[in-house]
């Protein structure tokens, strides 16, 4: 079993666990297992993940700021506390309309 960069049994808060990078995207692996991953991201304003698809369902939870997530050409505006599921094999993109942080959970199977 692979080790997480977050110490098991240690309390933490997602917004304080990753810093922004000017003109960049920062990611930190929270859990990485054969059955799925949980990754924390920080996007600077204007950054994006271009349209792509994944073979597995993915759930994005915004923990700070605002983002636009486009699923199958439909844009969704999300803010802190909002969550959306990006279905397997469906094209999606992520756009930072302002600085934001999100937790991405991907379940493989």
PDB file of N, CA and C in Angstrom:
ATOM      1  N   UNK A   1       0.850  -1.185   0.000  1.00  0.00           N
ATOM      2  CA  UNK A   1       0.000   0.000   0.000  1.00  0.00           C
ATOM      3  C   UNK A   1       0.892   1.244   0.000  1.00  0.00           C
ATOM      4  N   UNK A   2       0.602   2.177  -0.899  1.00  0.00           N
ATOM      5  CA  UNK A   2       1.403   3.394  -0.989  1.00  0.00           C
ATOM      6  C   UNK A   2       1.076   4.336   0.158  1.00  0.00           C
ATOM      7  N   UNK A   3       2.054   5.104   0.562  1.00  0.00           N
ATOM      8  CA  UNK A   3       1.881   6.038   1.663  1.00  0.00           C
ATOM      9  C   UNK A   3       1.357   7.371   1.153  1.00  0.00           C
ATOM     10  N   UNK A   4       0.425   7.944   1.891  1.00  0.00           N
ATOM     11  CA  UNK A   4      -0.088   9.267   1.578  1.00  0.00           C
ATOM     12  C   UNK A   4       0.924  10.311   2.025  1.00  0.00           C
ATOM     13  N   UNK A   5       0.860  11.512   1.433  1.00  0.00           N
ATOM     14  CA  UNK A   5       1.706  12.587   1.921  1.00  0.00           C
ATOM     15  C   UNK A   5       1.102  13.190   3.182  1.00  0.00           C
ATOM     16  N   UNK A   6      -0.165  12.848   3.478  1.00  0.00           N
ATOM     17  CA  UNK A   6      -0.818  13.280   4.705  1.00  0.00           C
ATOM     18  C   UNK A   6      -0.702  12.146   5.711  1.00  0.00           C
ATOM     19  N   UNK A   7      -0.243  12.454   6.894  1.00  0.00           N
ATOM     20  CA  UNK A   7      -0.015  11.438   7.917  1.00  0.00           C
ATOM     21  C   UNK A   7      -1.341  10.914   8.462  1.00  0.00           C
ATOM     22  N   UNK A   8      -1.591   9.605   8.368  1.00  0.00           N
ATOM     23  CA  UNK A   8      -2.826   9.056   8.933  1.00  0.00           C
ATOM     24  C   UNK A   8      -2.933   9.370  10.426  1.00  0.00           C
ATOM     25  N   UNK A   9      -4.145   9.655  10.865  1.00  0.00           N
ATOM     26  CA  UNK A   9      -4.373   9.952  12.273  1.00  0.00           C
ATOM     27  C   UNK A   9      -4.011  11.371  12.665  1.00  0.00           C
ATOM     28  N   UNK A  10      -3.669  12.205  11.687  1.00  0.00           N
ATOM     29  CA  UNK A  10      -3.326  13.602  11.955  1.00  0.00           C
ATOM     30  C   UNK A  10      -4.436  14.496  11.411  1.00  0.00           C
ATOM     31  N   UNK A  11      -4.953  15.360  12.261  1.00  0.00           N
ATOM     32  CA  UNK A  11      -6.023  16.271  11.865  1.00  0.00           C
ATOM     33  C   UNK A  11      -5.464  17.353  10.933  1.00  0.00           C
ATOM     34  N   UNK A  12      -6.229  17.684   9.897  1.00  0.00           N
ATOM     35  CA  UNK A  12      -5.836  18.764   8.993  1.00  0.00           C
ATOM     36  C   UNK A  12      -7.080  19.364   8.374  1.00  0.00           C
ATOM     37  N   UNK A  13      -6.926  20.536   7.749  1.00  0.00           N
ATOM     38  CA  UNK A  13      -7.996  21.214   7.020  1.00  0.00           C
ATOM     39  C   UNK A  13      -7.525  21.402   5.589  1.00  0.00           C
ATOM     40  N   UNK A  14      -8.362  21.012   4.624  1.00  0.00           N
ATOM     41  CA  UNK A  14      -7.950  21.103   3.227  1.00  0.00           C
ATOM     42  C   UNK A  14      -7.495  22.499   2.814  1.00  0.00           C
ATOM     43  N   UNK A  15      -8.253  23.573   3.098  1.00  0.00           N
ATOM     44  CA  UNK A  15      -7.822  24.888   2.609  1.00  0.00           C
ATOM     45  C   UNK A  15      -6.419  25.307   3.070  1.00  0.00           C
ATOM     46  N   UNK A  16      -6.029  24.875   4.273  1.00  0.00           N
ATOM     47  CA  UNK A  16      -4.710  25.263   4.785  1.00  0.00           C
ATOM     48  C   UNK A  16      -3.604  24.283   4.412  1.00  0.00           C
ATOM     49  N   UNK A  17      -3.957  23.216   3.701  1.00  0.00           N
ATOM     50  CA  UNK A  17      -2.979  22.156   3.423  1.00  0.00           C
ATOM     51  C   UNK A  17      -2.277  22.276   2.076  1.00  0.00           C
ATOM     52  N   UNK A  18      -2.647  23.290   1.285  1.00  0.00           N
ATOM     53  CA  UNK A  18      -1.974  23.523   0.006  1.00  0.00           C
ATOM     54  C   UNK A  18      -1.921  25.025  -0.238  1.00  0.00           C
ATOM     55  N   UNK A  19      -0.806  25.506  -0.777  1.00  0.00           N
ATOM     56  CA  UNK A  19      -0.639  26.927  -1.074  1.00  0.00           C
ATOM     57  C   UNK A  19      -0.792  27.170  -2.571  1.00  0.00           C
ATOM     58  N   UNK A  20      -1.196  28.373  -2.918  1.00  0.00           N
ATOM     59  CA  UNK A  20      -1.279  28.775  -4.319  1.00  0.00           C
ATOM     60  C   UNK A  20       0.118  29.025  -4.872  1.00  0.00           C
ATOM     61  N   UNK A  21       0.259  28.846  -6.176  1.00  0.00           N
ATOM     62  CA  UNK A  21       1.478  29.176  -6.888  1.00  0.00           C
ATOM     63  C   UNK A  21       1.098  30.173  -7.977  1.00  0.00           C
ATOM     64  N   UNK A  22       1.786  31.305  -8.048  1.00  0.00           N
ATOM     65  CA  UNK A  22       1.469  32.313  -9.051  1.00  0.00           C
ATOM     66  C   UNK A  22       1.509  31.707 -10.445  1.00  0.00           C
ATOM     67  N   UNK A  23       0.420  31.898 -11.197  1.00  0.00           N
ATOM     68  CA  UNK A  23       0.289  31.377 -12.562  1.00  0.00           C
ATOM     69  C   UNK A  23       0.454  29.866 -12.648  1.00  0.00           C
ATOM     70  N   UNK A  24       0.037  29.164 -11.589  1.00  0.00           N
ATOM     71  CA  UNK A  24       0.227  27.719 -11.605  1.00  0.00           C
ATOM     72  C   UNK A  24      -0.893  26.937 -10.948  1.00  0.00           C
ATOM     73  N   UNK A  25      -0.719  25.637 -10.977  1.00  0.00           N
ATOM     74  CA  UNK A  25      -1.614  24.687 -10.332  1.00  0.00           C
ATOM     75  C   UNK A  25      -0.749  23.813  -9.432  1.00  0.00           C
ATOM     76  N   UNK A  26      -1.155  23.676  -8.186  1.00  0.00           N
ATOM     77  CA  UNK A  26      -0.429  22.843  -7.229  1.00  0.00           C
ATOM     78  C   UNK A  26      -1.331  21.678  -6.844  1.00  0.00           C
ATOM     79  N   UNK A  27      -0.774  20.482  -6.774  1.00  0.00           N
ATOM     80  CA  UNK A  27      -1.554  19.328  -6.323  1.00  0.00           C
ATOM     81  C   UNK A  27      -0.797  18.597  -5.227  1.00  0.00           C
ATOM     82  N   UNK A  28      -1.568  18.030  -4.299  1.00  0.00           N
ATOM     83  CA  UNK A  28      -1.003  17.213  -3.225  1.00  0.00           C
ATOM     84  C   UNK A  28      -1.850  15.958  -3.099  1.00  0.00           C
ATOM     85  N   UNK A  29      -1.202  14.838  -3.128  1.00  0.00           N
ATOM     86  CA  UNK A  29      -1.879  13.556  -2.968  1.00  0.00           C
ATOM     87  C   UNK A  29      -2.268  13.381  -1.496  1.00  0.00           C
ATOM     88  N   UNK A  30      -3.538  13.138  -1.263  1.00  0.00           N
ATOM     89  CA  UNK A  30      -4.018  12.883   0.093  1.00  0.00           C
ATOM     90  C   UNK A  30      -4.034  11.377   0.329  1.00  0.00           C
ATOM     91  N   UNK A  31      -4.648  10.647  -0.590  1.00  0.00           N
ATOM     92  CA  UNK A  31      -4.692   9.179  -0.553  1.00  0.00           C
ATOM     93  C   UNK A  31      -4.467   8.681  -1.978  1.00  0.00           C
ATOM     94  N   UNK A  32      -3.639   7.664  -2.122  1.00  0.00           N
ATOM     95  CA  UNK A  32      -3.370   7.077  -3.440  1.00  0.00           C
ATOM     96  C   UNK A  32      -3.347   5.564  -3.272  1.00  0.00           C
ATOM     97  N   UNK A  33      -4.431   4.933  -3.702  1.00  0.00           N
ATOM     98  CA  UNK A  33      -4.579   3.492  -3.569  1.00  0.00           C
ATOM     99  C   UNK A  33      -4.983   2.897  -4.917  1.00  0.00           C
ATOM    100  N   UNK A  34      -4.814   1.602  -5.091  1.00  0.00           N
ATOM    101  CA  UNK A  34      -5.224   0.980  -6.352  1.00  0.00           C
ATOM    102  C   UNK A  34      -6.711   1.180  -6.674  1.00  0.00           C
ATOM    103  N   UNK A  35      -7.553   1.351  -5.669  1.00  0.00           N
ATOM    104  CA  UNK A  35      -8.995   1.503  -5.898  1.00  0.00           C
ATOM    105  C   UNK A  35      -9.419   2.948  -6.120  1.00  0.00           C
ATOM    106  N   UNK A  36      -8.513   3.894  -5.921  1.00  0.00           N
ATOM    107  CA  UNK A  36      -8.867   5.293  -6.140  1.00  0.00           C
ATOM    108  C   UNK A  36      -7.890   6.256  -5.491  1.00  0.00           C
ATOM    109  N   UNK A  37      -8.123   7.540  -5.784  1.00  0.00           N
ATOM    110  CA  UNK A  37      -7.244   8.583  -5.264  1.00  0.00           C
ATOM    111  C   UNK A  37      -8.068   9.752  -4.727  1.00  0.00           C
ATOM    112  N   UNK A  38      -7.471  10.464  -3.794  1.00  0.00           N
ATOM    113  CA  UNK A  38      -7.990  11.743  -3.318  1.00  0.00           C
ATOM    114  C   UNK A  38      -6.830  12.723  -3.446  1.00  0.00           C
ATOM    115  N   UNK A  39      -7.051  13.817  -4.200  1.00  0.00           N
ATOM    116  CA  UNK A  39      -5.991  14.787  -4.459  1.00  0.00           C
ATOM    117  C   UNK A  39      -6.509  16.184  -4.163  1.00  0.00           C
ATOM    118  N   UNK A  40      -5.700  16.977  -3.497  1.00  0.00           N
ATOM    119  CA  UNK A  40      -6.011  18.367  -3.178  1.00  0.00           C
ATOM    120  C   UNK A  40      -5.305  19.263  -4.198  1.00  0.00           C
ATOM    121  N   UNK A  41      -6.054  20.195  -4.786  1.00  0.00           N
ATOM    122  CA  UNK A  41      -5.517  21.102  -5.799  1.00  0.00           C
ATOM    123  C   UNK A  41      -5.686  22.553  -5.382  1.00  0.00           C
ATOM    124  N   UNK A  42      -4.754  23.415  -5.806  1.00  0.00           N
ATOM    125  CA  UNK A  42      -4.881  24.871  -5.703  1.00  0.00           C
ATOM    126  C   UNK A  42      -4.596  25.447  -7.090  1.00  0.00           C
ATOM    127  N   UNK A  43      -5.563  26.165  -7.648  1.00  0.00           N
ATOM    128  CA  UNK A  43      -5.454  26.771  -8.977  1.00  0.00           C
ATOM    129  C   UNK A  43      -5.350  28.274  -8.830  1.00  0.00           C
ATOM    130  N   UNK A  44      -4.376  28.897  -9.454  1.00  0.00           N
ATOM    131  CA  UNK A  44      -4.324  30.355  -9.509  1.00  0.00           C
ATOM    132  C   UNK A  44      -5.357  30.822 -10.536  1.00  0.00           C
ATOM    133  N   UNK A  45      -5.819  32.038 -10.381  1.00  0.00           N
ATOM    134  CA  UNK A  45      -6.813  32.592 -11.298  1.00  0.00           C
ATOM    135  C   UNK A  45      -6.308  32.492 -12.737  1.00  0.00           C
ATOM    136  N   UNK A  46      -7.195  32.043 -13.637  1.00  0.00           N
ATOM    137  CA  UNK A  46      -6.849  31.940 -15.048  1.00  0.00           C
ATOM    138  C   UNK A  46      -6.265  30.596 -15.453  1.00  0.00           C
ATOM    139  N   UNK A  47      -5.914  29.756 -14.483  1.00  0.00           N
ATOM    140  CA  UNK A  47      -5.366  28.441 -14.821  1.00  0.00           C
ATOM    141  C   UNK A  47      -6.500  27.497 -15.193  1.00  0.00           C
ATOM    142  N   UNK A  48      -6.160  26.445 -15.938  1.00  0.00           N
ATOM    143  CA  UNK A  48      -7.211  25.526 -16.353  1.00  0.00           C
ATOM    144  C   UNK A  48      -6.645  24.149 -16.646  1.00  0.00           C
ATOM    145  N   UNK A  49      -7.528  23.176 -16.587  1.00  0.00           N
ATOM    146  CA  UNK A  49      -7.248  21.848 -17.116  1.00  0.00           C
ATOM    147  C   UNK A  49      -8.093  21.743 -18.367  1.00  0.00           C
ATOM    148  N   UNK A  50      -7.470  21.581 -19.512  1.00  0.00           N
ATOM    149  CA  UNK A  50      -8.201  21.557 -20.777  1.00  0.00           C
ATOM    150  C   UNK A  50      -9.117  20.330 -20.846  1.00  0.00           C
ATOM    151  N   UNK A  51     -10.002  20.357 -21.805  1.00  0.00           N
ATOM    152  CA  UNK A  51     -10.986  19.289 -21.950  1.00  0.00           C
ATOM    153  C   UNK A  51     -10.306  17.940 -22.112  1.00  0.00           C
ATOM    154  N   UNK A  52     -10.743  17.008 -21.302  1.00  0.00           N
ATOM    155  CA  UNK A  52     -10.205  15.646 -21.314  1.00  0.00           C
ATOM    156  C   UNK A  52     -11.289  14.711 -20.754  1.00  0.00           C
ATOM    157  N   UNK A  53     -11.040  13.437 -20.774  1.00  0.00           N
ATOM    158  CA  UNK A  53     -11.937  12.484 -20.123  1.00  0.00           C
ATOM    159  C   UNK A  53     -11.084  11.493 -19.349  1.00  0.00           C
ATOM    160  N   UNK A  54     -11.726  10.811 -18.418  1.00  0.00           N
ATOM    161  CA  UNK A  54     -11.038   9.819 -17.598  1.00  0.00           C
ATOM    162  C   UNK A  54     -11.874   8.543 -17.614  1.00  0.00           C
ATOM    163  N   UNK A  55     -11.234   7.403 -17.436  1.00  0.00           N
ATOM    164  CA  UNK A  55     -11.981   6.140 -17.486  1.00  0.00           C
ATOM    165  C   UNK A  55     -12.789   5.858 -16.216  1.00  0.00           C
ATOM    166  N   UNK A  56     -12.712   6.765 -15.233  1.00  0.00           N
ATOM    167  CA  UNK A  56     -13.385   6.554 -13.956  1.00  0.00           C
ATOM    168  C   UNK A  56     -14.184   7.786 -13.562  1.00  0.00           C
ATOM    169  N   UNK A  57     -15.222   7.590 -12.744  1.00  0.00           N
ATOM    170  CA  UNK A  57     -15.950   8.726 -12.178  1.00  0.00           C
ATOM    171  C   UNK A  57     -15.012   9.528 -11.284  1.00  0.00           C
ATOM    172  N   UNK A  58     -15.217  10.851 -11.272  1.00  0.00           N
ATOM    173  CA  UNK A  58     -14.435  11.725 -10.401  1.00  0.00           C
ATOM    174  C   UNK A  58     -15.384  12.718  -9.744  1.00  0.00           C
ATOM    175  N   UNK A  59     -15.156  13.011  -8.469  1.00  0.00           N
ATOM    176  CA  UNK A  59     -15.970  13.964  -7.732  1.00  0.00           C
ATOM    177  C   UNK A  59     -15.090  15.135  -7.311  1.00  0.00           C
ATOM    178  N   UNK A  60     -15.516  16.341  -7.668  1.00  0.00           N
ATOM    179  CA  UNK A  60     -14.766  17.551  -7.308  1.00  0.00           C
ATOM    180  C   UNK A  60     -15.551  18.326  -6.255  1.00  0.00           C
ATOM    181  N   UNK A  61     -14.902  18.630  -5.142  1.00  0.00           N
ATOM    182  CA  UNK A  61     -15.493  19.457  -4.093  1.00  0.00           C
ATOM    183  C   UNK A  61     -14.662  20.733  -3.971  1.00  0.00           C
ATOM    184  N   UNK A  62     -15.295  21.873  -4.159  1.00  0.00           N
ATOM    185  CA  UNK A  62     -14.599  23.151  -4.032  1.00  0.00           C
ATOM    186  C   UNK A  62     -14.518  23.491  -2.541  1.00  0.00           C
ATOM    187  N   UNK A  63     -13.306  23.736  -2.051  1.00  0.00           N
ATOM    188  CA  UNK A  63     -13.138  24.049  -0.627  1.00  0.00           C
ATOM    189  C   UNK A  63     -12.786  25.515  -0.385  1.00  0.00           C
ATOM    190  N   UNK A  64     -12.487  26.253  -1.477  1.00  0.00           N
ATOM    191  CA  UNK A  64     -12.178  27.687  -1.353  1.00  0.00           C
ATOM    192  C   UNK A  64     -12.264  28.316  -2.736  1.00  0.00           C
ATOM    193  N   UNK A  65     -12.845  29.513  -2.824  1.00  0.00           N
ATOM    194  CA  UNK A  65     -12.873  30.251  -4.080  1.00  0.00           C
ATOM    195  C   UNK A  65     -14.000  29.837  -5.003  1.00  0.00           C
ATOM    196  N   UNK A  66     -13.814  30.125  -6.302  1.00  0.00           N
ATOM    197  CA  UNK A  66     -14.822  29.877  -7.334  1.00  0.00           C
ATOM    198  C   UNK A  66     -14.168  29.202  -8.535  1.00  0.00           C
ATOM    199  N   UNK A  67     -14.933  28.293  -9.170  1.00  0.00           N
ATOM    200  CA  UNK A  67     -14.424  27.591 -10.346  1.00  0.00           C
ATOM    201  C   UNK A  67     -15.554  27.348 -11.328  1.00  0.00           C
ATOM    202  N   UNK A  68     -15.160  27.129 -12.569  1.00  0.00           N
ATOM    203  CA  UNK A  68     -16.097  26.680 -13.574  1.00  0.00           C
ATOM    204  C   UNK A  68     -15.656  25.285 -14.000  1.00  0.00           C
ATOM    205  N   UNK A  69     -16.590  24.345 -13.910  1.00  0.00           N
ATOM    206  CA  UNK A  69     -16.322  22.993 -14.383  1.00  0.00           C
ATOM    207  C   UNK A  69     -17.277  22.731 -15.531  1.00  0.00           C
ATOM    208  N   UNK A  70     -16.715  22.333 -16.655  1.00  0.00           N
ATOM    209  CA  UNK A  70     -17.501  22.085 -17.856  1.00  0.00           C
ATOM    210  C   UNK A  70     -17.572  20.580 -18.060  1.00  0.00           C
ATOM    211  N   UNK A  71     -18.797  20.050 -18.107  1.00  0.00           N
ATOM    212  CA  UNK A  71     -19.002  18.621 -18.316  1.00  0.00           C
ATOM    213  C   UNK A  71     -19.838  18.451 -19.573  1.00  0.00           C
ATOM    214  N   UNK A  72     -19.294  17.777 -20.566  1.00  0.00           N
ATOM    215  CA  UNK A  72     -19.994  17.526 -21.824  1.00  0.00           C
ATOM    216  C   UNK A  72     -20.543  18.830 -22.419  1.00  0.00           C
ATOM    217  N   UNK A  73     -19.684  19.852 -22.433  1.00  0.00           N
ATOM    218  CA  UNK A  73     -19.976  21.193 -22.988  1.00  0.00           C
ATOM    219  C   UNK A  73     -20.968  22.020 -22.174  1.00  0.00           C
ATOM    220  N   UNK A  74     -21.348  21.568 -20.971  1.00  0.00           N
ATOM    221  CA  UNK A  74     -22.234  22.348 -20.104  1.00  0.00           C
ATOM    222  C   UNK A  74     -21.414  22.931 -18.961  1.00  0.00           C
ATOM    223  N   UNK A  75     -21.352  24.280 -18.842  1.00  0.00           N
ATOM    224  CA  UNK A  75     -20.572  24.892 -17.762  1.00  0.00           C
ATOM    225  C   UNK A  75     -21.368  24.936 -16.446  1.00  0.00           C
ATOM    226  N   UNK A  76     -20.670  24.674 -15.354  1.00  0.00           N
ATOM    227  CA  UNK A  76     -21.238  24.742 -14.013  1.00  0.00           C
ATOM    228  C   UNK A  76     -20.366  25.670 -13.180  1.00  0.00           C
ATOM    229  N   UNK A  77     -20.981  26.641 -12.516  1.00  0.00           N
ATOM    230  CA  UNK A  77     -20.267  27.556 -11.625  1.00  0.00           C
ATOM    231  C   UNK A  77     -20.331  26.975 -10.216  1.00  0.00           C
ATOM    232  N   UNK A  78     -19.175  26.783  -9.607  1.00  0.00           N
ATOM    233  CA  UNK A  78     -19.122  26.209  -8.271  1.00  0.00           C
ATOM    234  C   UNK A  78     -18.354  27.114  -7.330  1.00  0.00           C
ATOM    235  N   UNK A  79     -18.791  27.158  -6.094  1.00  0.00           N
ATOM    236  CA  UNK A  79     -18.112  27.908  -5.046  1.00  0.00           C
ATOM    237  C   UNK A  79     -17.838  26.997  -3.859  1.00  0.00           C
ATOM    238  N   UNK A  80     -17.182  27.546  -2.855  1.00  0.00           N
ATOM    239  CA  UNK A  80     -16.818  26.776  -1.666  1.00  0.00           C
ATOM    240  C   UNK A  80     -18.033  26.042  -1.121  1.00  0.00           C
ATOM    241  N   UNK A  81     -17.871  24.748  -0.917  1.00  0.00           N
ATOM    242  CA  UNK A  81     -18.942  23.906  -0.409  1.00  0.00           C
ATOM    243  C   UNK A  81     -19.697  23.165  -1.486  1.00  0.00           C
ATOM    244  N   UNK A  82     -19.518  23.553  -2.757  1.00  0.00           N
ATOM    245  CA  UNK A  82     -20.203  22.874  -3.866  1.00  0.00           C
ATOM    246  C   UNK A  82     -19.403  21.655  -4.319  1.00  0.00           C
ATOM    247  N   UNK A  83     -20.149  20.639  -4.754  1.00  0.00           N
ATOM    248  CA  UNK A  83     -19.555  19.386  -5.211  1.00  0.00           C
ATOM    249  C   UNK A  83     -20.241  18.963  -6.495  1.00  0.00           C
ATOM    250  N   UNK A  84     -19.474  18.356  -7.408  1.00  0.00           N
ATOM    251  CA  UNK A  84     -20.046  17.869  -8.665  1.00  0.00           C
ATOM    252  C   UNK A  84     -19.330  16.574  -9.053  1.00  0.00           C
ATOM    253  N   UNK A  85     -20.077  15.682  -9.705  1.00  0.00           N
ATOM    254  CA  UNK A  85     -19.499  14.428 -10.189  1.00  0.00           C
ATOM    255  C   UNK A  85     -19.276  14.549 -11.694  1.00  0.00           C
ATOM    256  N   UNK A  86     -18.077  14.195 -12.109  1.00  0.00           N
ATOM    257  CA  UNK A  86     -17.720  14.158 -13.522  1.00  0.00           C
ATOM    258  C   UNK A  86     -17.730  12.687 -13.934  1.00  0.00           C
ATOM    259  N   UNK A  87     -18.726  12.284 -14.736  1.00  0.00           N
ATOM    260  CA  UNK A  87     -18.869  10.860 -15.077  1.00  0.00           C
ATOM    261  C   UNK A  87     -17.704  10.317 -15.912  1.00  0.00           C
ATOM    262  N   UNK A  88     -17.467   9.049 -15.753  1.00  0.00           N
ATOM    263  CA  UNK A  88     -16.423   8.364 -16.518  1.00  0.00           C
ATOM    264  C   UNK A  88     -16.667   8.523 -18.015  1.00  0.00           C
ATOM    265  N   UNK A  89     -15.588   8.728 -18.750  1.00  0.00           N
ATOM    266  CA  UNK A  89     -15.572   8.774 -20.214  1.00  0.00           C
ATOM    267  C   UNK A  89     -16.316   9.956 -20.833  1.00  0.00           C
ATOM    268  N   UNK A  90     -16.762  10.913 -20.024  1.00  0.00           N
ATOM    269  CA  UNK A  90     -17.443  12.111 -20.524  1.00  0.00           C
ATOM    270  C   UNK A  90     -16.437  13.268 -20.507  1.00  0.00           C
ATOM    271  N   UNK A  91     -16.275  14.016 -21.597  1.00  0.00           N
ATOM    272  CA  UNK A  91     -15.322  15.134 -21.618  1.00  0.00           C
ATOM    273  C   UNK A  91     -15.662  16.188 -20.563  1.00  0.00           C
ATOM    274  N   UNK A  92     -14.618  16.666 -19.894  1.00  0.00           N
ATOM    275  CA  UNK A  92     -14.789  17.720 -18.897  1.00  0.00           C
ATOM    276  C   UNK A  92     -13.531  18.587 -18.843  1.00  0.00           C
ATOM    277  N   UNK A  93     -13.700  19.795 -18.301  1.00  0.00           N
ATOM    278  CA  UNK A  93     -12.592  20.746 -18.163  1.00  0.00           C
ATOM    279  C   UNK A  93     -12.789  21.506 -16.856  1.00  0.00           C
ATOM    280  N   UNK A  94     -11.708  22.087 -16.359  1.00  0.00           N
ATOM    281  CA  UNK A  94     -11.739  22.865 -15.120  1.00  0.00           C
ATOM    282  C   UNK A  94     -11.104  24.218 -15.399  1.00  0.00           C
ATOM    283  N   UNK A  95     -11.822  25.304 -15.053  1.00  0.00           N
ATOM    284  CA  UNK A  95     -11.340  26.668 -15.275  1.00  0.00           C
ATOM    285  C   UNK A  95     -11.370  27.447 -13.971  1.00  0.00           C
ATOM    286  N   UNK A  96     -10.270  28.117 -13.659  1.00  0.00           N
ATOM    287  CA  UNK A  96     -10.192  28.936 -12.449  1.00  0.00           C
ATOM    288  C   UNK A  96     -10.666  30.354 -12.759  1.00  0.00           C
ATOM    289  N   UNK A  97     -11.938  30.633 -12.494  1.00  0.00           N
ATOM    290  CA  UNK A  97     -12.474  31.980 -12.707  1.00  0.00           C
ATOM    291  C   UNK A  97     -11.914  32.943 -11.667  1.00  0.00           C
ATOM    292  N   UNK A  98     -11.454  32.390 -10.554  1.00  0.00           N
ATOM    293  CA  UNK A  98     -10.661  33.088  -9.541  1.00  0.00           C
ATOM    294  C   UNK A  98      -9.832  31.996  -8.871  1.00  0.00           C
ATOM    295  N   UNK A  99      -8.944  32.393  -7.968  1.00  0.00           N
ATOM    296  CA  UNK A  99      -8.169  31.382  -7.258  1.00  0.00           C
ATOM    297  C   UNK A  99      -9.136  30.438  -6.553  1.00  0.00           C
ATOM    298  N   UNK A 100      -8.844  29.138  -6.619  1.00  0.00           N
ATOM    299  CA  UNK A 100      -9.693  28.201  -5.895  1.00  0.00           C
ATOM    300  C   UNK A 100      -8.915  26.945  -5.524  1.00  0.00           C
ATOM    301  N   UNK A 101      -9.471  26.241  -4.544  1.00  0.00           N
ATOM    302  CA  UNK A 101      -8.921  24.972  -4.116  1.00  0.00           C
ATOM    303  C   UNK A 101     -10.030  23.928  -4.190  1.00  0.00           C
ATOM    304  N   UNK A 102      -9.652  22.712  -4.589  1.00  0.00           N
ATOM    305  CA  UNK A 102     -10.636  21.640  -4.656  1.00  0.00           C
ATOM    306  C   UNK A 102     -10.008  20.325  -4.244  1.00  0.00           C
ATOM    307  N   UNK A 103     -10.893  19.434  -3.797  1.00  0.00           N
ATOM    308  CA  UNK A 103     -10.524  18.063  -3.511  1.00  0.00           C
ATOM    309  C   UNK A 103     -11.136  17.206  -4.611  1.00  0.00           C
ATOM    310  N   UNK A 104     -10.303  16.441  -5.286  1.00  0.00           N
ATOM    311  CA  UNK A 104     -10.751  15.564  -6.364  1.00  0.00           C
ATOM    312  C   UNK A 104     -10.655  14.117  -5.903  1.00  0.00           C
ATOM    313  N   UNK A 105     -11.785  13.434  -5.901  1.00  0.00           N
ATOM    314  CA  UNK A 105     -11.828  12.027  -5.508  1.00  0.00           C
ATOM    315  C   UNK A 105     -12.151  11.208  -6.748  1.00  0.00           C
ATOM    316  N   UNK A 106     -11.280  10.250  -7.061  1.00  0.00           N
ATOM    317  CA  UNK A 106     -11.494   9.393  -8.228  1.00  0.00           C
ATOM    318  C   UNK A 106     -11.596   7.955  -7.745  1.00  0.00           C
ATOM    319  N   UNK A 107     -12.688   7.307  -8.124  1.00  0.00           N
ATOM    320  CA  UNK A 107     -12.910   5.914  -7.759  1.00  0.00           C
ATOM    321  C   UNK A 107     -12.670   5.064  -9.002  1.00  0.00           C
ATOM    322  N   UNK A 108     -11.760   4.123  -8.892  1.00  0.00           N
ATOM    323  CA  UNK A 108     -11.425   3.259 -10.033  1.00  0.00           C
ATOM    324  C   UNK A 108     -12.228   1.974  -9.933  1.00  0.00           C
ATOM    325  N   UNK A 109     -12.708   1.535 -11.072  1.00  0.00           N
ATOM    326  CA  UNK A 109     -13.432   0.262 -11.032  1.00  0.00           C
ATOM    327  C   UNK A 109     -14.487   0.173 -12.074  1.00  0.00           C
TER     328      UNK A 109
END
